[in-house]
Amino acid sequence: MRHGESLANRDNEYTGWTDVSLTDKGVQQAISAGKLIKETGIEFSHVHTSMLQRAIVTADLVLDQINQNWLPITKTWRLNERHYGALRGLNKDKTRVMYGVEQVAKWRRSFDAVPPLLDQPEYDRRYAQNGILSEPLGESLHMAYDRLIPYWTSHVAPELLDGKNQLIVAHGSSLRALIKYLESISDAGIDGVEVENGEPIVYELDQYLNIVSKSILK
């Protein structure tokens, strides 16, 4: 599930690893999503989220609604949103004027395009304690995919293979990367995949983690 609407979503700004809060609408989206999940009757064993508050708070709000607040939660930088480099904090419409519609579309939607990079890395204690001394200068979706999939393989997949349901609360681009992997979507095909705020996606998987069914709760 993608987090509820953030301040940057509301203001149409690139966010990436910038830590912004949910809007009031985003809070309500998370609560509504939790109610929808509760209706499914799914019982989870573990929650996985990024190290950014908009995902963490969303996860907490969902757990409130499904009465599963006691679940263990793992917060990992590997589920962070794609790092938008020097674009972060900029209005998306303004960047279309600055760089052109076609170029911005490539940066936002393609698998391999890398946005303009930061001039220098930024230090953040939350990542330093995880062995990352500085944030990336910028990432393509491919780069986000490469740091996310090892977490799926080592932490999520083994639990699923053991029959334990898992809840992942992350971000638009990081979830696009995961969906690409799960659904074997081509590099070109991922351009058309969108993940909406606060709409849970439920995958039913077989014993080999192949997809049996997929539904979006609305």
N, C-alpha and C. Protein backbone atom coordinates (compact mmCIF):
# COMPACT_ATOMS: atom_id res chain seq x y z
N MET A 1 0.83 -1.19 0.00
CA MET A 1 0.00 0.00 0.00
C MET A 1 0.87 1.25 0.00
N ARG A 2 0.47 2.23 -0.80
CA ARG A 2 1.14 3.52 -0.79
C ARG A 2 0.54 4.38 0.33
N HIS A 3 1.37 5.20 0.94
CA HIS A 3 0.93 6.09 1.99
C HIS A 3 -0.20 7.01 1.53
N GLY A 4 -0.89 7.61 2.51
CA GLY A 4 -1.90 8.61 2.18
C GLY A 4 -1.27 9.88 1.64
N GLU A 5 -2.11 10.77 1.18
CA GLU A 5 -1.62 12.02 0.58
C GLU A 5 -0.68 12.76 1.54
N SER A 6 0.47 13.17 1.02
CA SER A 6 1.43 13.95 1.80
C SER A 6 1.32 15.43 1.42
N LEU A 7 2.01 16.26 2.18
CA LEU A 7 2.03 17.69 1.84
C LEU A 7 2.60 17.91 0.45
N ALA A 8 3.62 17.12 0.09
CA ALA A 8 4.24 17.27 -1.23
C ALA A 8 3.30 16.79 -2.33
N ASN A 9 2.54 15.72 -2.07
CA ASN A 9 1.53 15.28 -3.04
C ASN A 9 0.54 16.41 -3.28
N ARG A 10 0.08 17.00 -2.20
CA ARG A 10 -0.90 18.09 -2.29
C ARG A 10 -0.36 19.26 -3.10
N ASP A 11 0.92 19.58 -2.88
CA ASP A 11 1.52 20.75 -3.54
C ASP A 11 2.18 20.40 -4.87
N ASN A 12 2.04 19.14 -5.30
CA ASN A 12 2.58 18.68 -6.59
C ASN A 12 4.09 18.87 -6.68
N GLU A 13 4.78 18.48 -5.61
CA GLU A 13 6.23 18.61 -5.55
C GLU A 13 6.91 17.25 -5.52
N TYR A 14 8.12 17.21 -6.06
CA TYR A 14 8.96 16.02 -5.93
C TYR A 14 9.39 15.88 -4.47
N THR A 15 9.35 14.66 -3.96
CA THR A 15 9.67 14.46 -2.56
C THR A 15 10.89 13.57 -2.36
N GLY A 16 10.80 12.33 -2.85
CA GLY A 16 11.92 11.40 -2.66
C GLY A 16 12.17 11.12 -1.20
N TRP A 17 13.41 11.33 -0.74
CA TRP A 17 13.78 11.02 0.64
C TRP A 17 13.50 12.18 1.58
N THR A 18 12.97 13.28 1.08
CA THR A 18 12.57 14.37 1.96
C THR A 18 11.43 13.87 2.86
N ASP A 19 11.51 14.18 4.15
CA ASP A 19 10.55 13.64 5.11
C ASP A 19 9.43 14.63 5.34
N VAL A 20 8.28 14.37 4.73
CA VAL A 20 7.14 15.26 4.86
C VAL A 20 5.98 14.50 5.51
N SER A 21 5.07 15.24 6.10
CA SER A 21 3.96 14.63 6.82
C SER A 21 2.75 14.43 5.92
N LEU A 22 1.76 13.71 6.44
CA LEU A 22 0.50 13.53 5.74
C LEU A 22 -0.36 14.79 5.87
N THR A 23 -1.20 15.03 4.89
CA THR A 23 -2.24 16.05 5.01
C THR A 23 -3.41 15.44 5.79
N ASP A 24 -4.37 16.27 6.14
CA ASP A 24 -5.58 15.75 6.78
C ASP A 24 -6.27 14.74 5.86
N LYS A 25 -6.24 15.02 4.56
CA LYS A 25 -6.81 14.09 3.59
C LYS A 25 -6.04 12.77 3.62
N GLY A 26 -4.72 12.86 3.72
CA GLY A 26 -3.89 11.67 3.76
C GLY A 26 -4.18 10.81 4.98
N VAL A 27 -4.41 11.46 6.11
CA VAL A 27 -4.77 10.72 7.32
C VAL A 27 -6.08 9.98 7.11
N GLN A 28 -7.07 10.65 6.53
CA GLN A 28 -8.36 10.01 6.29
C GLN A 28 -8.24 8.87 5.27
N GLN A 29 -7.36 9.03 4.28
CA GLN A 29 -7.15 7.96 3.31
C GLN A 29 -6.58 6.72 4.00
N ALA A 30 -5.66 6.94 4.92
CA ALA A 30 -5.06 5.81 5.64
C ALA A 30 -6.09 5.12 6.52
N ILE A 31 -6.91 5.89 7.18
CA ILE A 31 -7.96 5.31 8.03
C ILE A 31 -8.95 4.52 7.18
N SER A 32 -9.36 5.09 6.07
CA SER A 32 -10.29 4.40 5.17
C SER A 32 -9.69 3.12 4.62
N ALA A 33 -8.40 3.17 4.28
CA ALA A 33 -7.72 1.98 3.78
C ALA A 33 -7.70 0.88 4.84
N GLY A 34 -7.45 1.29 6.09
CA GLY A 34 -7.45 0.32 7.17
C GLY A 34 -8.80 -0.35 7.33
N LYS A 35 -9.87 0.41 7.18
CA LYS A 35 -11.21 -0.15 7.28
C LYS A 35 -11.46 -1.16 6.15
N LEU A 36 -10.97 -0.83 4.95
CA LEU A 36 -11.13 -1.75 3.82
C LEU A 36 -10.35 -3.04 4.05
N ILE A 37 -9.15 -2.91 4.59
CA ILE A 37 -8.35 -4.10 4.88
C ILE A 37 -9.02 -4.94 5.96
N LYS A 38 -9.60 -4.28 6.95
CA LYS A 38 -10.28 -5.01 8.02
C LYS A 38 -11.40 -5.88 7.46
N GLU A 39 -12.09 -5.37 6.45
CA GLU A 39 -13.20 -6.12 5.85
C GLU A 39 -12.73 -7.42 5.20
N THR A 40 -11.47 -7.48 4.78
CA THR A 40 -10.96 -8.69 4.15
C THR A 40 -10.71 -9.80 5.17
N GLY A 41 -10.52 -9.41 6.44
CA GLY A 41 -10.24 -10.40 7.47
C GLY A 41 -8.80 -10.90 7.47
N ILE A 42 -7.92 -10.25 6.70
CA ILE A 42 -6.53 -10.70 6.63
C ILE A 42 -5.83 -10.45 7.97
N GLU A 43 -5.15 -11.47 8.46
CA GLU A 43 -4.34 -11.34 9.66
C GLU A 43 -2.87 -11.36 9.27
N PHE A 44 -2.15 -10.30 9.63
CA PHE A 44 -0.75 -10.18 9.24
C PHE A 44 0.18 -10.69 10.34
N SER A 45 1.40 -11.01 9.93
CA SER A 45 2.42 -11.44 10.87
C SER A 45 3.50 -10.37 11.05
N HIS A 46 3.64 -9.48 10.06
CA HIS A 46 4.72 -8.50 10.09
C HIS A 46 4.36 -7.34 9.19
N VAL A 47 4.87 -6.16 9.56
CA VAL A 47 4.68 -4.95 8.76
C VAL A 47 6.04 -4.43 8.33
N HIS A 48 6.12 -4.01 7.08
CA HIS A 48 7.37 -3.47 6.52
C HIS A 48 7.07 -2.08 5.99
N THR A 49 7.88 -1.12 6.36
CA THR A 49 7.68 0.23 5.85
C THR A 49 9.02 0.93 5.67
N SER A 50 8.98 2.12 5.09
CA SER A 50 10.20 2.87 4.85
C SER A 50 10.62 3.59 6.13
N MET A 51 11.61 4.45 6.02
CA MET A 51 12.06 5.24 7.16
C MET A 51 11.56 6.69 7.06
N LEU A 52 10.48 6.86 6.31
CA LEU A 52 9.90 8.19 6.10
C LEU A 52 8.53 8.26 6.76
N GLN A 53 8.26 9.37 7.43
CA GLN A 53 7.09 9.45 8.30
C GLN A 53 5.77 9.27 7.58
N ARG A 54 5.68 9.69 6.32
CA ARG A 54 4.39 9.56 5.65
C ARG A 54 3.98 8.09 5.49
N ALA A 55 4.95 7.21 5.34
CA ALA A 55 4.65 5.78 5.27
C ALA A 55 4.46 5.19 6.67
N ILE A 56 5.32 5.60 7.61
CA ILE A 56 5.24 5.07 8.97
C ILE A 56 3.90 5.42 9.62
N VAL A 57 3.49 6.68 9.51
CA VAL A 57 2.22 7.11 10.10
C VAL A 57 1.05 6.40 9.43
N THR A 58 1.12 6.25 8.12
CA THR A 58 0.07 5.52 7.40
C THR A 58 -0.05 4.10 7.94
N ALA A 59 1.09 3.42 8.10
CA ALA A 59 1.08 2.06 8.63
C ALA A 59 0.44 2.01 10.01
N ASP A 60 0.79 2.97 10.86
CA ASP A 60 0.23 3.01 12.21
C ASP A 60 -1.29 3.20 12.18
N LEU A 61 -1.75 4.08 11.30
CA LEU A 61 -3.19 4.33 11.20
C LEU A 61 -3.94 3.09 10.69
N VAL A 62 -3.34 2.39 9.75
CA VAL A 62 -3.95 1.16 9.25
C VAL A 62 -4.03 0.11 10.36
N LEU A 63 -2.95 -0.03 11.11
CA LEU A 63 -2.93 -1.02 12.20
C LEU A 63 -3.97 -0.69 13.27
N ASP A 64 -4.21 0.61 13.50
CA ASP A 64 -5.27 1.00 14.43
C ASP A 64 -6.62 0.44 13.98
N GLN A 65 -6.88 0.54 12.69
CA GLN A 65 -8.18 0.14 12.16
C GLN A 65 -8.37 -1.38 12.13
N ILE A 66 -7.30 -2.11 11.94
CA ILE A 66 -7.42 -3.58 11.84
C ILE A 66 -7.12 -4.27 13.16
N ASN A 67 -6.92 -3.46 14.22
CA ASN A 67 -6.68 -3.99 15.57
C ASN A 67 -5.49 -4.96 15.60
N GLN A 68 -4.44 -4.55 14.89
CA GLN A 68 -3.22 -5.36 14.89
C GLN A 68 -1.99 -4.51 15.21
N ASN A 69 -2.18 -3.56 16.14
CA ASN A 69 -1.10 -2.65 16.52
C ASN A 69 0.10 -3.36 17.13
N TRP A 70 -0.10 -4.55 17.64
CA TRP A 70 0.95 -5.30 18.32
C TRP A 70 1.96 -5.93 17.36
N LEU A 71 1.66 -5.88 16.08
CA LEU A 71 2.54 -6.53 15.11
C LEU A 71 3.94 -5.92 15.09
N PRO A 72 4.97 -6.73 14.88
CA PRO A 72 6.31 -6.18 14.70
C PRO A 72 6.39 -5.38 13.41
N ILE A 73 7.11 -4.26 13.47
CA ILE A 73 7.27 -3.40 12.29
C ILE A 73 8.76 -3.24 11.99
N THR A 74 9.13 -3.48 10.75
CA THR A 74 10.50 -3.23 10.30
C THR A 74 10.51 -2.00 9.42
N LYS A 75 11.33 -1.03 9.79
CA LYS A 75 11.47 0.20 9.00
C LYS A 75 12.82 0.14 8.30
N THR A 76 12.80 0.21 6.99
CA THR A 76 14.03 0.06 6.22
C THR A 76 14.16 1.13 5.13
N TRP A 77 15.38 1.61 4.95
CA TRP A 77 15.65 2.58 3.88
C TRP A 77 15.43 1.96 2.51
N ARG A 78 15.46 0.64 2.43
CA ARG A 78 15.31 -0.02 1.13
C ARG A 78 13.90 0.15 0.56
N LEU A 79 12.92 0.48 1.41
CA LEU A 79 11.57 0.75 0.94
C LEU A 79 11.30 2.24 0.75
N ASN A 80 12.32 3.07 1.00
CA ASN A 80 12.17 4.51 0.77
C ASN A 80 11.74 4.81 -0.66
N GLU A 81 11.11 5.96 -0.82
CA GLU A 81 10.78 6.44 -2.16
C GLU A 81 12.06 6.60 -2.98
N ARG A 82 11.91 6.58 -4.28
CA ARG A 82 13.05 6.86 -5.15
C ARG A 82 13.58 8.26 -4.85
N HIS A 83 14.89 8.40 -4.81
CA HIS A 83 15.50 9.70 -4.52
C HIS A 83 15.51 10.54 -5.80
N TYR A 84 14.83 11.69 -5.74
CA TYR A 84 14.68 12.53 -6.93
C TYR A 84 15.82 13.53 -7.12
N GLY A 85 16.88 13.40 -6.34
CA GLY A 85 18.05 14.23 -6.55
C GLY A 85 17.75 15.71 -6.44
N ALA A 86 18.26 16.48 -7.40
CA ALA A 86 18.11 17.94 -7.37
C ALA A 86 16.69 18.39 -7.70
N LEU A 87 15.81 17.46 -8.10
CA LEU A 87 14.42 17.83 -8.38
C LEU A 87 13.60 17.96 -7.12
N ARG A 88 14.03 17.35 -6.04
CA ARG A 88 13.17 17.30 -4.85
C ARG A 88 12.90 18.71 -4.31
N GLY A 89 11.65 18.88 -3.93
CA GLY A 89 11.21 20.18 -3.45
C GLY A 89 10.69 21.09 -4.55
N LEU A 90 10.93 20.72 -5.82
CA LEU A 90 10.47 21.54 -6.94
C LEU A 90 9.05 21.15 -7.34
N ASN A 91 8.29 22.11 -7.81
CA ASN A 91 6.97 21.85 -8.32
C ASN A 91 7.08 21.13 -9.67
N LYS A 92 6.28 20.09 -9.86
CA LYS A 92 6.40 19.28 -11.08
C LYS A 92 6.02 20.06 -12.33
N ASP A 93 5.02 20.92 -12.23
CA ASP A 93 4.63 21.72 -13.39
C ASP A 93 5.74 22.70 -13.78
N LYS A 94 6.41 23.26 -12.78
CA LYS A 94 7.49 24.19 -13.07
C LYS A 94 8.67 23.48 -13.74
N THR A 95 8.92 22.23 -13.36
CA THR A 95 10.03 21.51 -14.00
C THR A 95 9.71 21.19 -15.46
N ARG A 96 8.44 21.06 -15.78
CA ARG A 96 8.07 20.84 -17.19
C ARG A 96 8.40 22.08 -18.02
N VAL A 97 8.24 23.24 -17.41
CA VAL A 97 8.60 24.49 -18.10
C VAL A 97 10.12 24.59 -18.20
N MET A 98 10.82 24.22 -17.13
CA MET A 98 12.28 24.35 -17.08
C MET A 98 12.99 23.37 -18.03
N TYR A 99 12.51 22.12 -18.04
CA TYR A 99 13.24 21.07 -18.75
C TYR A 99 12.50 20.48 -19.95
N GLY A 100 11.21 20.78 -20.07
CA GLY A 100 10.42 20.23 -21.16
C GLY A 100 9.58 19.05 -20.70
N VAL A 101 8.41 18.92 -21.28
CA VAL A 101 7.45 17.88 -20.89
C VAL A 101 8.03 16.48 -21.11
N GLU A 102 8.69 16.28 -22.25
CA GLU A 102 9.21 14.96 -22.58
C GLU A 102 10.31 14.53 -21.61
N GLN A 103 11.21 15.43 -21.28
CA GLN A 103 12.29 15.10 -20.38
C GLN A 103 11.77 14.77 -18.98
N VAL A 104 10.84 15.57 -18.50
CA VAL A 104 10.26 15.32 -17.17
C VAL A 104 9.53 13.99 -17.15
N ALA A 105 8.83 13.66 -18.22
CA ALA A 105 8.13 12.38 -18.30
C ALA A 105 9.11 11.22 -18.19
N LYS A 106 10.27 11.36 -18.82
CA LYS A 106 11.29 10.30 -18.73
C LYS A 106 11.80 10.16 -17.30
N TRP A 107 12.10 11.28 -16.67
CA TRP A 107 12.59 11.22 -15.30
C TRP A 107 11.57 10.58 -14.36
N ARG A 108 10.29 10.90 -14.57
CA ARG A 108 9.26 10.44 -13.64
C ARG A 108 8.82 9.01 -13.90
N ARG A 109 8.74 8.60 -15.15
CA ARG A 109 8.06 7.35 -15.46
C ARG A 109 8.95 6.24 -15.99
N SER A 110 10.08 6.57 -16.61
CA SER A 110 10.89 5.52 -17.24
C SER A 110 11.67 4.73 -16.19
N PHE A 111 12.21 3.62 -16.59
CA PHE A 111 12.92 2.73 -15.68
C PHE A 111 14.36 3.17 -15.44
N ASP A 112 15.00 3.73 -16.45
CA ASP A 112 16.44 3.97 -16.36
C ASP A 112 16.87 5.43 -16.28
N ALA A 113 15.98 6.38 -16.57
CA ALA A 113 16.38 7.78 -16.57
C ALA A 113 16.71 8.26 -15.15
N VAL A 114 17.85 8.92 -15.01
CA VAL A 114 18.32 9.44 -13.71
C VAL A 114 18.05 10.94 -13.67
N PRO A 115 17.41 11.44 -12.62
CA PRO A 115 17.14 12.88 -12.53
C PRO A 115 18.43 13.65 -12.30
N PRO A 116 18.39 14.97 -12.42
CA PRO A 116 19.58 15.77 -12.09
C PRO A 116 20.03 15.46 -10.66
N LEU A 117 21.33 15.30 -10.47
CA LEU A 117 21.85 14.87 -9.18
C LEU A 117 22.09 16.05 -8.25
N LEU A 118 22.05 15.76 -6.95
CA LEU A 118 22.47 16.75 -5.97
C LEU A 118 23.95 17.05 -6.14
N ASP A 119 24.37 18.22 -5.75
CA ASP A 119 25.79 18.57 -5.85
C ASP A 119 26.63 17.79 -4.84
N GLN A 120 26.06 17.53 -3.68
CA GLN A 120 26.79 16.80 -2.65
C GLN A 120 25.82 16.00 -1.81
N PRO A 121 26.28 14.90 -1.24
CA PRO A 121 25.38 14.06 -0.43
C PRO A 121 24.99 14.76 0.87
N GLU A 122 23.86 14.34 1.42
CA GLU A 122 23.40 14.90 2.68
C GLU A 122 23.43 13.83 3.77
N TYR A 123 23.87 14.23 4.95
CA TYR A 123 23.96 13.30 6.08
C TYR A 123 22.64 13.27 6.84
N ASP A 124 22.21 12.07 7.24
CA ASP A 124 21.01 11.91 8.04
C ASP A 124 21.26 10.77 9.01
N ARG A 125 21.08 11.02 10.30
CA ARG A 125 21.41 10.04 11.32
C ARG A 125 20.65 8.72 11.15
N ARG A 126 19.43 8.80 10.67
CA ARG A 126 18.63 7.58 10.55
C ARG A 126 19.25 6.60 9.56
N TYR A 127 19.97 7.13 8.57
CA TYR A 127 20.61 6.25 7.60
C TYR A 127 22.02 5.88 8.02
N ALA A 128 22.68 6.80 8.68
CA ALA A 128 24.05 6.53 9.13
C ALA A 128 24.09 5.33 10.07
N GLN A 129 23.07 5.19 10.92
CA GLN A 129 23.07 4.07 11.84
C GLN A 129 22.78 2.75 11.14
N ASN A 130 22.38 2.84 9.87
CA ASN A 130 22.17 1.64 9.07
C ASN A 130 23.33 1.42 8.09
N GLY A 131 24.42 2.14 8.30
CA GLY A 131 25.59 1.94 7.47
C GLY A 131 25.63 2.78 6.21
N ILE A 132 24.63 3.67 6.06
CA ILE A 132 24.60 4.56 4.89
C ILE A 132 25.04 5.93 5.38
N LEU A 133 26.24 6.32 5.03
CA LEU A 133 26.79 7.55 5.57
C LEU A 133 26.19 8.80 4.96
N SER A 134 25.58 8.65 3.78
CA SER A 134 24.93 9.79 3.15
C SER A 134 23.84 9.30 2.21
N GLU A 135 22.87 10.16 1.96
CA GLU A 135 21.81 9.82 1.03
C GLU A 135 22.37 9.73 -0.40
N PRO A 136 21.63 9.05 -1.30
CA PRO A 136 22.03 9.07 -2.71
C PRO A 136 21.98 10.48 -3.27
N LEU A 137 22.69 10.70 -4.35
CA LEU A 137 22.63 11.99 -5.04
C LEU A 137 21.42 12.06 -5.95
N GLY A 138 20.83 10.92 -6.20
CA GLY A 138 19.66 10.81 -7.07
C GLY A 138 19.55 9.37 -7.55
N GLU A 139 18.34 8.93 -7.92
CA GLU A 139 18.14 7.55 -8.34
C GLU A 139 17.18 7.46 -9.53
N SER A 140 17.46 6.55 -10.43
CA SER A 140 16.47 6.11 -11.41
C SER A 140 15.57 5.09 -10.72
N LEU A 141 14.47 4.73 -11.36
CA LEU A 141 13.62 3.67 -10.82
C LEU A 141 14.40 2.36 -10.79
N HIS A 142 15.26 2.16 -11.76
CA HIS A 142 16.10 0.96 -11.80
C HIS A 142 16.98 0.86 -10.57
N MET A 143 17.55 1.97 -10.16
CA MET A 143 18.42 1.98 -8.99
C MET A 143 17.62 1.69 -7.72
N ALA A 144 16.40 2.24 -7.64
CA ALA A 144 15.53 1.94 -6.50
C ALA A 144 15.14 0.47 -6.50
N TYR A 145 14.89 -0.08 -7.66
CA TYR A 145 14.57 -1.51 -7.82
C TYR A 145 15.72 -2.36 -7.28
N ASP A 146 16.93 -2.00 -7.63
CA ASP A 146 18.10 -2.79 -7.24
C ASP A 146 18.35 -2.79 -5.74
N ARG A 147 17.96 -1.74 -5.02
CA ARG A 147 18.17 -1.74 -3.57
C ARG A 147 16.95 -2.27 -2.83
N LEU A 148 15.79 -2.34 -3.51
CA LEU A 148 14.57 -2.83 -2.86
C LEU A 148 14.41 -4.34 -2.93
N ILE A 149 14.67 -4.92 -4.10
CA ILE A 149 14.40 -6.35 -4.31
C ILE A 149 15.19 -7.25 -3.35
N PRO A 150 16.45 -6.95 -3.01
CA PRO A 150 17.12 -7.79 -2.01
C PRO A 150 16.39 -7.84 -0.67
N TYR A 151 15.71 -6.77 -0.30
CA TYR A 151 14.94 -6.78 0.94
C TYR A 151 13.74 -7.72 0.80
N TRP A 152 13.05 -7.64 -0.33
CA TRP A 152 11.94 -8.56 -0.58
C TRP A 152 12.43 -10.00 -0.49
N THR A 153 13.53 -10.28 -1.13
CA THR A 153 14.04 -11.65 -1.19
C THR A 153 14.46 -12.18 0.18
N SER A 154 15.08 -11.33 0.98
CA SER A 154 15.63 -11.80 2.26
C SER A 154 14.66 -11.67 3.44
N HIS A 155 13.72 -10.72 3.38
CA HIS A 155 12.87 -10.46 4.54
C HIS A 155 11.38 -10.74 4.33
N VAL A 156 10.88 -10.51 3.15
CA VAL A 156 9.44 -10.67 2.92
C VAL A 156 9.12 -12.04 2.35
N ALA A 157 9.80 -12.42 1.29
CA ALA A 157 9.50 -13.70 0.63
C ALA A 157 9.58 -14.90 1.57
N PRO A 158 10.60 -15.03 2.42
CA PRO A 158 10.66 -16.19 3.31
C PRO A 158 9.45 -16.29 4.24
N GLU A 159 8.95 -15.14 4.70
CA GLU A 159 7.76 -15.15 5.56
C GLU A 159 6.53 -15.60 4.79
N LEU A 160 6.41 -15.13 3.56
CA LEU A 160 5.28 -15.55 2.73
C LEU A 160 5.34 -17.04 2.44
N LEU A 161 6.53 -17.54 2.17
CA LEU A 161 6.70 -18.97 1.91
C LEU A 161 6.35 -19.82 3.14
N ASP A 162 6.43 -19.19 4.30
CA ASP A 162 6.07 -19.86 5.55
C ASP A 162 4.59 -19.68 5.88
N GLY A 163 3.84 -19.10 4.93
CA GLY A 163 2.41 -18.95 5.12
C GLY A 163 1.99 -17.77 5.96
N LYS A 164 2.88 -16.78 6.14
CA LYS A 164 2.59 -15.63 6.99
C LYS A 164 2.32 -14.39 6.13
N ASN A 165 1.14 -13.82 6.28
CA ASN A 165 0.77 -12.63 5.52
C ASN A 165 1.62 -11.44 5.92
N GLN A 166 2.01 -10.63 4.94
CA GLN A 166 2.88 -9.48 5.17
C GLN A 166 2.21 -8.21 4.65
N LEU A 167 2.37 -7.13 5.41
CA LEU A 167 1.86 -5.82 5.00
C LEU A 167 3.03 -4.90 4.70
N ILE A 168 3.05 -4.35 3.48
CA ILE A 168 4.09 -3.40 3.08
C ILE A 168 3.44 -2.05 2.84
N VAL A 169 3.94 -1.03 3.53
CA VAL A 169 3.46 0.34 3.33
C VAL A 169 4.64 1.18 2.87
N ALA A 170 4.57 1.66 1.64
CA ALA A 170 5.73 2.35 1.07
C ALA A 170 5.28 3.52 0.21
N HIS A 171 5.87 3.67 -0.97
CA HIS A 171 5.74 4.90 -1.76
C HIS A 171 5.43 4.58 -3.22
N GLY A 172 5.03 5.60 -3.95
CA GLY A 172 4.62 5.40 -5.34
C GLY A 172 5.67 4.70 -6.18
N SER A 173 6.89 5.23 -6.19
CA SER A 173 7.93 4.66 -7.05
C SER A 173 8.50 3.37 -6.49
N SER A 174 8.69 3.30 -5.18
CA SER A 174 9.24 2.06 -4.62
C SER A 174 8.26 0.91 -4.82
N LEU A 175 6.97 1.19 -4.73
CA LEU A 175 5.99 0.14 -4.98
C LEU A 175 5.89 -0.19 -6.47
N ARG A 176 6.08 0.79 -7.34
CA ARG A 176 6.14 0.48 -8.78
C ARG A 176 7.30 -0.49 -9.06
N ALA A 177 8.41 -0.28 -8.38
CA ALA A 177 9.55 -1.19 -8.55
C ALA A 177 9.20 -2.59 -8.09
N LEU A 178 8.53 -2.70 -6.96
CA LEU A 178 8.15 -4.01 -6.45
C LEU A 178 7.12 -4.68 -7.35
N ILE A 179 6.15 -3.91 -7.81
CA ILE A 179 5.14 -4.45 -8.72
C ILE A 179 5.78 -4.93 -10.01
N LYS A 180 6.77 -4.20 -10.50
CA LYS A 180 7.50 -4.63 -11.70
C LYS A 180 8.08 -6.02 -11.51
N TYR A 181 8.66 -6.22 -10.34
CA TYR A 181 9.27 -7.52 -10.02
C TYR A 181 8.21 -8.61 -9.89
N LEU A 182 7.18 -8.35 -9.11
CA LEU A 182 6.16 -9.37 -8.85
C LEU A 182 5.41 -9.76 -10.11
N GLU A 183 5.13 -8.79 -10.97
CA GLU A 183 4.31 -9.05 -12.15
C GLU A 183 5.13 -9.22 -13.42
N SER A 184 6.45 -9.24 -13.28
CA SER A 184 7.35 -9.43 -14.43
C SER A 184 7.04 -8.43 -15.55
N ILE A 185 6.90 -7.18 -15.18
CA ILE A 185 6.61 -6.13 -16.14
C ILE A 185 7.90 -5.69 -16.82
N SER A 186 7.84 -5.44 -18.11
CA SER A 186 9.03 -5.05 -18.86
C SER A 186 9.50 -3.66 -18.46
N ASP A 187 10.75 -3.35 -18.83
CA ASP A 187 11.30 -2.02 -18.54
C ASP A 187 10.44 -0.93 -19.17
N ALA A 188 9.96 -1.19 -20.38
CA ALA A 188 9.13 -0.20 -21.07
C ALA A 188 7.73 -0.17 -20.48
N GLY A 189 7.23 -1.32 -20.08
CA GLY A 189 5.85 -1.43 -19.59
C GLY A 189 5.62 -0.74 -18.26
N ILE A 190 6.66 -0.61 -17.46
CA ILE A 190 6.48 -0.01 -16.13
C ILE A 190 6.10 1.46 -16.23
N ASP A 191 6.35 2.07 -17.36
CA ASP A 191 6.00 3.48 -17.58
C ASP A 191 4.52 3.74 -17.31
N GLY A 192 3.67 2.77 -17.64
CA GLY A 192 2.23 2.97 -17.52
C GLY A 192 1.64 2.56 -16.18
N VAL A 193 2.46 2.12 -15.25
CA VAL A 193 1.95 1.65 -13.95
C VAL A 193 1.89 2.80 -12.96
N GLU A 194 0.74 2.98 -12.34
CA GLU A 194 0.55 4.02 -11.34
C GLU A 194 0.02 3.39 -10.06
N VAL A 195 0.47 3.88 -8.93
CA VAL A 195 -0.01 3.41 -7.62
C VAL A 195 -0.60 4.60 -6.89
N GLU A 196 -1.89 4.53 -6.58
CA GLU A 196 -2.58 5.67 -5.98
C GLU A 196 -2.37 5.71 -4.47
N ASN A 197 -2.46 6.90 -3.92
CA ASN A 197 -2.36 7.06 -2.47
C ASN A 197 -3.49 6.33 -1.76
N GLY A 198 -3.13 5.58 -0.72
CA GLY A 198 -4.13 5.02 0.17
C GLY A 198 -5.04 3.96 -0.40
N GLU A 199 -4.65 3.31 -1.50
CA GLU A 199 -5.46 2.23 -2.07
C GLU A 199 -4.71 0.90 -1.92
N PRO A 200 -5.08 0.09 -0.94
CA PRO A 200 -4.38 -1.18 -0.70
C PRO A 200 -4.48 -2.12 -1.90
N ILE A 201 -3.39 -2.78 -2.19
CA ILE A 201 -3.34 -3.80 -3.23
C ILE A 201 -3.15 -5.15 -2.55
N VAL A 202 -4.02 -6.09 -2.83
CA VAL A 202 -3.94 -7.41 -2.21
C VAL A 202 -3.52 -8.43 -3.26
N TYR A 203 -2.38 -9.06 -3.02
CA TYR A 203 -1.91 -10.16 -3.87
C TYR A 203 -2.11 -11.48 -3.15
N GLU A 204 -2.71 -12.42 -3.83
CA GLU A 204 -2.76 -13.80 -3.35
C GLU A 204 -1.71 -14.58 -4.15
N LEU A 205 -0.82 -15.25 -3.45
CA LEU A 205 0.30 -15.93 -4.09
C LEU A 205 0.23 -17.43 -3.84
N ASP A 206 0.76 -18.21 -4.79
CA ASP A 206 0.81 -19.66 -4.59
C ASP A 206 2.06 -20.05 -3.81
N GLN A 207 2.31 -21.34 -3.70
CA GLN A 207 3.44 -21.81 -2.88
C GLN A 207 4.79 -21.45 -3.47
N TYR A 208 4.80 -20.99 -4.72
CA TYR A 208 6.05 -20.55 -5.36
C TYR A 208 6.11 -19.02 -5.47
N LEU A 209 5.17 -18.36 -4.85
CA LEU A 209 5.03 -16.90 -4.87
C LEU A 209 4.67 -16.36 -6.25
N ASN A 210 4.05 -17.20 -7.06
CA ASN A 210 3.45 -16.72 -8.29
C ASN A 210 2.08 -16.13 -7.95
N ILE A 211 1.67 -15.11 -8.70
CA ILE A 211 0.42 -14.42 -8.41
C ILE A 211 -0.78 -15.27 -8.83
N VAL A 212 -1.67 -15.49 -7.88
CA VAL A 212 -2.94 -16.17 -8.15
C VAL A 212 -4.01 -15.15 -8.46
N SER A 213 -4.03 -14.08 -7.68
CA SER A 213 -5.02 -13.02 -7.92
C SER A 213 -4.47 -11.69 -7.40
N LYS A 214 -5.01 -10.61 -7.91
CA LYS A 214 -4.66 -9.26 -7.48
C LYS A 214 -5.92 -8.43 -7.41
N SER A 215 -6.10 -7.70 -6.34
CA SER A 215 -7.25 -6.81 -6.23
C SER A 215 -6.82 -5.51 -5.57
N ILE A 216 -7.45 -4.42 -5.98
CA ILE A 216 -7.22 -3.10 -5.39
C ILE A 216 -8.46 -2.72 -4.60
N LEU A 217 -8.26 -2.45 -3.31
CA LEU A 217 -9.38 -2.15 -2.43
C LEU A 217 -9.75 -0.67 -2.55
N LYS A 218 -11.00 -0.39 -2.87
CA LYS A 218 -11.48 0.99 -3.01
C LYS A 218 -12.82 1.14 -2.33
